N, C-alpha and C. Protein backbone atom coordinates (compact mmCIF):
# COMPACT_ATOMS: atom_id res chain seq x y z
N MET A 1 -7.34 -14.21 -11.86
CA MET A 1 -6.50 -13.26 -11.27
C MET A 1 -7.10 -12.17 -10.63
N ILE A 2 -6.46 -11.73 -9.47
CA ILE A 2 -7.08 -10.91 -8.56
C ILE A 2 -6.10 -9.35 -8.69
N LYS A 3 -6.96 -8.20 -8.90
CA LYS A 3 -6.33 -7.03 -8.82
C LYS A 3 -6.71 -6.53 -7.44
N HIS A 4 -5.64 -5.91 -6.80
CA HIS A 4 -6.04 -5.59 -5.11
C HIS A 4 -5.38 -4.10 -5.45
N ILE A 5 -6.59 -3.16 -4.87
CA ILE A 5 -6.48 -1.66 -5.26
C ILE A 5 -6.56 -1.01 -3.84
N VAL A 6 -5.76 -0.27 -3.16
CA VAL A 6 -5.71 0.33 -2.16
C VAL A 6 -5.50 1.71 -2.04
N LEU A 7 -6.33 2.51 -1.27
CA LEU A 7 -6.11 4.27 -1.35
C LEU A 7 -5.76 4.31 0.22
N PHE A 8 -4.90 5.43 0.36
CA PHE A 8 -4.45 5.56 1.86
C PHE A 8 -4.60 6.99 2.30
N LYS A 9 -5.29 7.50 3.12
CA LYS A 9 -4.96 8.84 3.46
C LYS A 9 -4.51 9.01 4.87
N MET A 10 -3.28 9.72 4.78
CA MET A 10 -2.79 9.88 6.10
C MET A 10 -3.16 11.06 7.25
N ARG A 11 -2.97 10.83 8.39
CA ARG A 11 -3.61 11.77 9.35
C ARG A 11 -3.29 13.30 8.98
N ASP A 12 -4.14 14.21 9.18
CA ASP A 12 -3.85 15.46 8.87
C ASP A 12 -2.85 16.10 9.97
N ASP A 13 -2.86 15.36 10.99
CA ASP A 13 -1.87 16.04 12.04
C ASP A 13 -0.47 15.82 11.84
N ILE A 14 -0.07 15.23 10.98
CA ILE A 14 1.27 14.89 10.46
C ILE A 14 1.83 16.05 9.63
N ALA A 15 3.00 16.69 10.25
CA ALA A 15 3.66 17.73 9.52
C ALA A 15 4.03 17.37 7.99
N ALA A 16 3.95 18.25 7.18
CA ALA A 16 3.84 18.01 5.63
C ALA A 16 5.19 17.38 5.29
N ALA A 17 6.30 17.84 5.92
CA ALA A 17 7.74 17.36 5.77
C ALA A 17 7.75 15.98 6.32
N GLU A 18 7.29 15.68 7.33
CA GLU A 18 7.21 14.24 7.84
C GLU A 18 6.35 13.22 7.04
N LYS A 19 5.36 13.82 6.66
CA LYS A 19 4.50 13.01 5.89
C LYS A 19 5.06 12.36 4.48
N GLU A 20 5.81 13.53 3.65
CA GLU A 20 6.63 13.36 2.59
C GLU A 20 7.54 12.43 2.70
N VAL A 21 8.54 12.56 3.87
CA VAL A 21 9.37 11.38 4.42
C VAL A 21 8.73 9.98 4.36
N GLU A 22 7.51 10.03 5.23
CA GLU A 22 6.94 8.53 5.41
C GLU A 22 6.54 8.22 4.24
N LEU A 23 5.85 8.67 3.57
CA LEU A 23 5.25 8.30 2.12
C LEU A 23 6.26 7.74 1.31
N LYS A 24 7.53 8.14 1.22
CA LYS A 24 8.48 7.72 0.42
C LYS A 24 9.27 6.43 0.92
N VAL A 25 9.26 6.54 2.35
CA VAL A 25 9.68 5.16 2.85
C VAL A 25 8.84 4.02 2.82
N ILE A 26 7.36 4.52 2.72
CA ILE A 26 6.22 3.46 2.77
C ILE A 26 6.41 2.91 1.30
N LYS A 27 6.67 3.74 0.39
CA LYS A 27 6.40 3.47 -1.00
C LYS A 27 7.62 2.38 -1.30
N ALA A 28 8.86 2.74 -0.87
CA ALA A 28 9.76 1.89 -1.21
C ALA A 28 9.73 0.47 -0.44
N GLY A 29 9.09 0.60 0.69
CA GLY A 29 8.73 -0.80 1.53
C GLY A 29 7.79 -1.67 0.82
N LEU A 30 6.92 -0.91 0.21
CA LEU A 30 5.87 -1.70 -0.64
C LEU A 30 6.42 -2.29 -1.74
N GLU A 31 7.17 -1.51 -2.35
CA GLU A 31 7.66 -1.99 -3.61
C GLU A 31 8.79 -3.04 -3.60
N ALA A 32 9.37 -3.02 -2.59
CA ALA A 32 10.32 -4.16 -2.32
C ALA A 32 9.97 -5.23 -1.93
N LEU A 33 8.67 -5.48 -1.72
CA LEU A 33 7.94 -6.83 -1.52
C LEU A 33 7.92 -7.75 -2.81
N LEU A 34 8.09 -6.83 -3.98
CA LEU A 34 8.10 -7.88 -5.01
C LEU A 34 9.27 -8.62 -5.03
N GLY A 35 9.20 -10.03 -5.32
CA GLY A 35 10.55 -10.67 -5.20
C GLY A 35 10.48 -11.42 -3.84
N ILE A 36 10.07 -10.85 -2.62
CA ILE A 36 10.13 -11.35 -1.33
C ILE A 36 8.89 -11.93 -0.87
N ALA A 37 7.70 -11.32 -1.15
CA ALA A 37 6.51 -11.98 -0.88
C ALA A 37 6.26 -12.61 -2.11
N PRO A 38 6.21 -14.31 -2.12
CA PRO A 38 6.30 -14.93 -3.21
C PRO A 38 4.79 -15.00 -3.90
N THR A 39 3.84 -14.56 -3.38
CA THR A 39 2.35 -14.69 -4.13
C THR A 39 2.24 -13.54 -4.84
N LEU A 40 3.08 -12.36 -4.55
CA LEU A 40 2.80 -11.12 -5.28
C LEU A 40 3.36 -11.09 -6.82
N ARG A 41 2.46 -10.98 -7.64
CA ARG A 41 2.78 -10.86 -9.07
C ARG A 41 3.30 -9.66 -9.51
N SER A 42 2.66 -8.66 -9.30
CA SER A 42 2.99 -7.24 -9.78
C SER A 42 2.60 -6.14 -8.60
N ILE A 43 3.32 -5.03 -8.45
CA ILE A 43 2.95 -3.96 -7.61
C ILE A 43 3.14 -2.66 -8.26
N GLU A 44 2.33 -1.88 -8.03
CA GLU A 44 2.60 -0.31 -8.44
C GLU A 44 2.26 0.49 -7.28
N VAL A 45 3.19 1.44 -6.75
CA VAL A 45 2.72 2.46 -5.62
C VAL A 45 2.92 3.93 -6.10
N GLY A 46 2.11 4.59 -5.90
CA GLY A 46 1.90 6.08 -6.14
C GLY A 46 1.72 6.90 -5.18
N ILE A 47 2.47 7.84 -4.94
CA ILE A 47 2.39 9.12 -4.09
C ILE A 47 1.67 10.15 -4.84
N ASN A 48 0.24 10.51 -4.33
CA ASN A 48 -0.39 11.51 -4.81
C ASN A 48 0.17 12.80 -5.06
N CYS A 49 0.09 13.45 -6.31
CA CYS A 49 0.65 14.53 -6.87
C CYS A 49 -0.38 15.81 -7.13
N ASN A 50 -1.61 15.56 -6.83
CA ASN A 50 -2.64 16.12 -7.03
C ASN A 50 -3.31 16.89 -5.83
N PRO A 51 -2.98 18.03 -5.56
CA PRO A 51 -3.43 18.67 -3.77
C PRO A 51 -4.93 18.61 -3.72
N ALA A 52 -5.76 18.67 -4.90
CA ALA A 52 -7.16 18.60 -4.93
C ALA A 52 -7.72 17.30 -4.43
N GLU A 53 -6.95 16.19 -4.39
CA GLU A 53 -7.40 14.88 -4.19
C GLU A 53 -7.32 14.55 -2.50
N LYS A 54 -8.12 13.65 -2.20
CA LYS A 54 -8.19 13.39 -0.70
C LYS A 54 -7.04 12.51 -0.31
N PHE A 55 -6.67 11.25 -1.21
CA PHE A 55 -5.89 10.36 -0.56
C PHE A 55 -4.44 10.69 -1.16
N ASP A 56 -3.47 9.99 -0.23
CA ASP A 56 -2.14 10.44 -0.37
C ASP A 56 -1.37 9.35 -1.22
N LEU A 57 -1.61 8.18 -1.06
CA LEU A 57 -0.91 7.02 -1.51
C LEU A 57 -1.93 6.04 -2.03
N SER A 58 -1.52 5.54 -3.37
CA SER A 58 -2.13 4.45 -3.82
C SER A 58 -1.39 2.87 -4.01
N LEU A 59 -2.08 1.92 -4.13
CA LEU A 59 -1.34 0.74 -4.18
C LEU A 59 -2.08 -0.17 -5.31
N ILE A 60 -1.39 -0.72 -6.30
CA ILE A 60 -2.21 -1.67 -7.25
C ILE A 60 -1.25 -2.70 -7.31
N ALA A 61 -1.79 -3.94 -6.75
CA ALA A 61 -1.05 -5.23 -6.68
C ALA A 61 -1.96 -6.34 -7.51
N THR A 62 -1.23 -7.41 -8.15
CA THR A 62 -1.65 -8.42 -8.79
C THR A 62 -1.59 -9.70 -8.07
N PHE A 63 -2.41 -10.72 -7.92
CA PHE A 63 -2.38 -11.84 -7.34
C PHE A 63 -2.76 -12.90 -8.20
N ASP A 64 -2.63 -14.16 -8.19
CA ASP A 64 -3.39 -15.25 -8.87
C ASP A 64 -4.80 -15.43 -8.47
N ASN A 65 -4.87 -15.48 -7.05
CA ASN A 65 -6.12 -15.86 -6.60
C ASN A 65 -6.30 -15.11 -5.23
N LEU A 66 -7.45 -15.23 -4.56
CA LEU A 66 -7.63 -14.75 -3.23
C LEU A 66 -6.69 -15.31 -1.94
N ASP A 67 -6.61 -16.53 -2.28
CA ASP A 67 -5.69 -17.33 -1.19
C ASP A 67 -4.22 -16.73 -1.33
N ASP A 68 -3.90 -16.42 -2.48
CA ASP A 68 -2.48 -15.68 -2.61
C ASP A 68 -2.52 -14.15 -1.95
N LEU A 69 -3.87 -13.57 -2.20
CA LEU A 69 -3.55 -12.25 -1.58
C LEU A 69 -3.54 -12.45 -0.08
N ASN A 70 -4.48 -13.46 0.54
CA ASN A 70 -4.57 -13.51 2.02
C ASN A 70 -3.18 -13.96 2.55
N ALA A 71 -2.43 -14.58 1.60
CA ALA A 71 -0.95 -15.18 2.25
C ALA A 71 0.05 -13.96 2.15
N TYR A 72 -0.22 -13.05 0.99
CA TYR A 72 0.45 -11.70 1.27
C TYR A 72 0.19 -11.00 2.37
N ALA A 73 -1.05 -10.85 2.81
CA ALA A 73 -1.37 -9.97 3.77
C ALA A 73 -0.68 -10.31 5.16
N VAL A 74 -0.29 -11.67 5.32
CA VAL A 74 0.28 -12.16 6.62
C VAL A 74 1.76 -12.19 6.49
N HIS A 75 2.40 -11.94 5.31
CA HIS A 75 3.85 -12.01 5.32
C HIS A 75 4.42 -11.22 6.01
N PRO A 76 5.37 -11.71 6.84
CA PRO A 76 6.14 -10.99 7.81
C PRO A 76 6.57 -9.60 7.23
N ASP A 77 7.09 -9.57 5.99
CA ASP A 77 7.55 -8.21 5.36
C ASP A 77 6.65 -7.25 5.17
N HIS A 78 5.33 -7.74 4.77
CA HIS A 78 4.28 -7.10 4.33
C HIS A 78 3.69 -6.33 5.75
N VAL A 79 3.66 -7.26 6.82
CA VAL A 79 3.13 -6.88 8.18
C VAL A 79 3.92 -5.65 8.62
N ALA A 80 5.18 -5.74 8.51
CA ALA A 80 5.92 -4.79 8.92
C ALA A 80 5.75 -3.36 8.25
N VAL A 81 5.66 -3.37 6.83
CA VAL A 81 5.29 -2.05 6.09
C VAL A 81 4.04 -1.68 6.34
N SER A 82 2.91 -2.70 6.85
CA SER A 82 1.69 -2.17 7.31
C SER A 82 1.59 -1.57 8.58
N LYS A 83 2.38 -2.10 9.38
CA LYS A 83 2.66 -1.28 10.87
C LYS A 83 3.12 0.16 10.82
N ARG A 84 4.10 0.51 9.59
CA ARG A 84 4.57 1.82 9.39
C ARG A 84 3.17 2.58 8.91
N ILE A 85 2.56 2.07 8.12
CA ILE A 85 1.25 2.73 7.51
C ILE A 85 0.37 3.07 8.54
N ARG A 86 -0.05 1.85 9.21
CA ARG A 86 -1.04 2.29 10.38
C ARG A 86 -0.82 3.30 11.47
N ALA A 87 0.62 3.41 11.55
CA ALA A 87 1.22 4.74 12.56
C ALA A 87 0.71 5.79 12.26
N ILE A 88 0.54 6.17 10.93
CA ILE A 88 0.06 7.53 10.28
C ILE A 88 -1.18 7.47 9.51
N LEU A 89 -1.61 6.32 9.50
CA LEU A 89 -3.10 6.22 8.56
C LEU A 89 -4.34 6.98 9.16
N ASP A 90 -5.00 7.64 8.24
CA ASP A 90 -6.56 8.23 8.76
C ASP A 90 -7.31 7.11 8.09
N VAL A 91 -7.56 7.03 6.54
CA VAL A 91 -8.38 6.38 6.21
C VAL A 91 -7.79 5.29 5.11
N ARG A 92 -8.60 4.12 4.88
CA ARG A 92 -7.92 3.23 3.96
C ARG A 92 -9.29 2.66 3.13
N ALA A 93 -9.10 2.78 1.83
CA ALA A 93 -10.21 2.18 1.00
C ALA A 93 -9.42 1.08 0.05
N CYS A 94 -10.25 -0.15 -0.13
CA CYS A 94 -9.67 -1.10 -0.89
C CYS A 94 -10.93 -1.65 -1.73
N ASN A 95 -10.38 -2.23 -2.94
CA ASN A 95 -11.16 -2.93 -3.69
C ASN A 95 -10.49 -4.01 -4.27
N ASP A 96 -10.83 -5.34 -4.25
CA ASP A 96 -10.32 -6.50 -4.93
C ASP A 96 -11.05 -7.10 -6.00
N PHE A 97 -10.83 -7.23 -7.03
CA PHE A 97 -11.57 -7.79 -8.16
C PHE A 97 -10.85 -8.78 -9.01
N GLU A 98 -11.63 -9.50 -9.44
CA GLU A 98 -11.16 -10.88 -10.61
C GLU A 98 -11.11 -9.80 -11.89
N PHE A 99 -10.02 -10.50 -12.84
CA PHE A 99 -10.06 -10.02 -13.83
C PHE A 99 -9.35 -11.03 -14.90
């Protein structure tokens, strides 16, 4: 199985109120992929509550294998959420590991 962990830092030029709304919309969009993207086994999405930390949003998802992760990456509904993320994204960090 594959654990897919992603951290997102949004651009600093986004107003705090707008960032808060966008993060909630993105979180809901990612969580809605469970049951829609057939290779996605589980997903957790969290909005950072610690202002001392750099990243705004985290995602932990589980897949059976790397092929399934790659299929998820190009799923149309995932692509749509990704476009919304990229519109306000500054930095993305990712780690995929087998367990």
